Amino acid sequence: MEEIIKNKVNEYRTKVGLTQEELAVKIGVTRQTIIAIERGNYTPSVLLAMKLAGVFKVPVETLFSISYE
């Protein structure tokens, strides 16, 4: 069984009206990093996940979940 990290970053970013670039600036990463996270190609560090959750004012567990496939 493979562990897959799923995220709702795109959903929350869109909901609050931020562009990928604006979100990247807020948390100190590149737009490419945001793209990779949203596509599921990059799993952020705990610190980065906490920064993302802080921007959206939600728990980390709301943004990220593990599924087993």
Protein backbone atom coordinates (compact mmCIF):
# COMPACT_ATOMS: atom_id res chain seq x y z
CA MET A 1 0.00 0.00 0.00
CA GLU A 2 1.31 3.41 -0.98
CA GLU A 3 0.90 6.53 1.15
CA ILE A 4 -0.24 9.56 -0.80
CA ILE A 5 -0.36 13.05 0.66
CA LYS A 6 -3.39 14.95 -0.60
CA ASN A 7 -3.87 18.66 -0.13
CA LYS A 8 -6.47 21.40 -0.47
CA VAL A 9 -4.04 24.28 -0.99
CA ASN A 10 -5.50 25.23 -4.37
CA GLU A 11 -9.04 25.14 -2.98
CA TYR A 12 -8.20 27.41 -0.04
CA ARG A 13 -5.99 29.73 -2.12
CA THR A 14 -8.80 30.24 -4.61
CA LYS A 15 -11.36 30.69 -1.82
CA VAL A 16 -9.42 33.60 -0.30
CA GLY A 17 -8.61 35.13 -3.70
CA LEU A 18 -4.82 34.78 -3.70
CA THR A 19 -2.74 34.10 -6.79
CA GLN A 20 -0.01 31.48 -6.65
CA GLU A 21 2.54 34.30 -6.70
CA GLU A 22 0.88 36.16 -3.82
CA LEU A 23 0.74 33.01 -1.70
CA ALA A 24 4.38 32.26 -2.50
CA VAL A 25 5.46 35.73 -1.35
CA LYS A 26 3.45 35.40 1.89
CA ILE A 27 5.24 32.20 2.90
CA GLY A 28 8.65 32.91 1.37
CA VAL A 29 8.83 30.38 -1.46
CA THR A 30 8.71 30.51 -5.25
CA ARG A 31 5.56 30.29 -7.35
CA GLN A 32 6.96 27.03 -8.74
CA THR A 33 6.90 25.56 -5.22
CA ILE A 34 3.23 26.48 -4.85
CA ILE A 35 2.47 24.90 -8.23
CA ALA A 36 4.29 21.70 -7.22
CA ILE A 37 2.46 21.52 -3.87
CA GLU A 38 -0.94 22.09 -5.48
CA ARG A 39 -0.28 19.39 -8.08
CA GLY A 40 0.87 16.95 -5.42
CA ASN A 41 4.39 16.77 -6.86
CA TYR A 42 6.01 18.16 -3.71
CA THR A 43 5.30 17.43 -0.07
CA PRO A 44 6.12 20.50 2.01
CA SER A 45 8.13 20.40 5.21
CA VAL A 46 6.27 20.66 8.50
CA LEU A 47 7.32 24.32 8.78
CA LEU A 48 6.05 25.12 5.29
CA ALA A 49 2.79 23.25 5.92
CA MET A 50 2.33 25.26 9.13
CA LYS A 51 2.96 28.53 7.26
CA LEU A 52 0.36 27.57 4.66
CA ALA A 53 -2.16 26.67 7.36
CA GLY A 54 -1.44 29.99 9.07
CA VAL A 55 -2.21 31.97 5.92
CA PHE A 56 -5.59 30.26 5.62
CA LYS A 57 -6.19 30.21 9.41
CA VAL A 58 -6.95 26.47 9.42
CA PRO A 59 -5.28 23.47 11.10
CA VAL A 60 -2.59 21.70 9.05
CA GLU A 61 -4.83 18.62 9.02
CA THR A 62 -7.46 20.60 7.14
CA LEU A 63 -5.02 21.29 4.29
CA PHE A 64 -3.17 17.98 4.19
CA SER A 65 -4.29 14.37 4.55
CA ILE A 66 -2.83 10.92 3.92
CA SER A 67 -4.58 8.36 1.79
CA TYR A 68 -3.51 4.75 1.26
CA GLU A 69 -3.79 3.33 -2.22
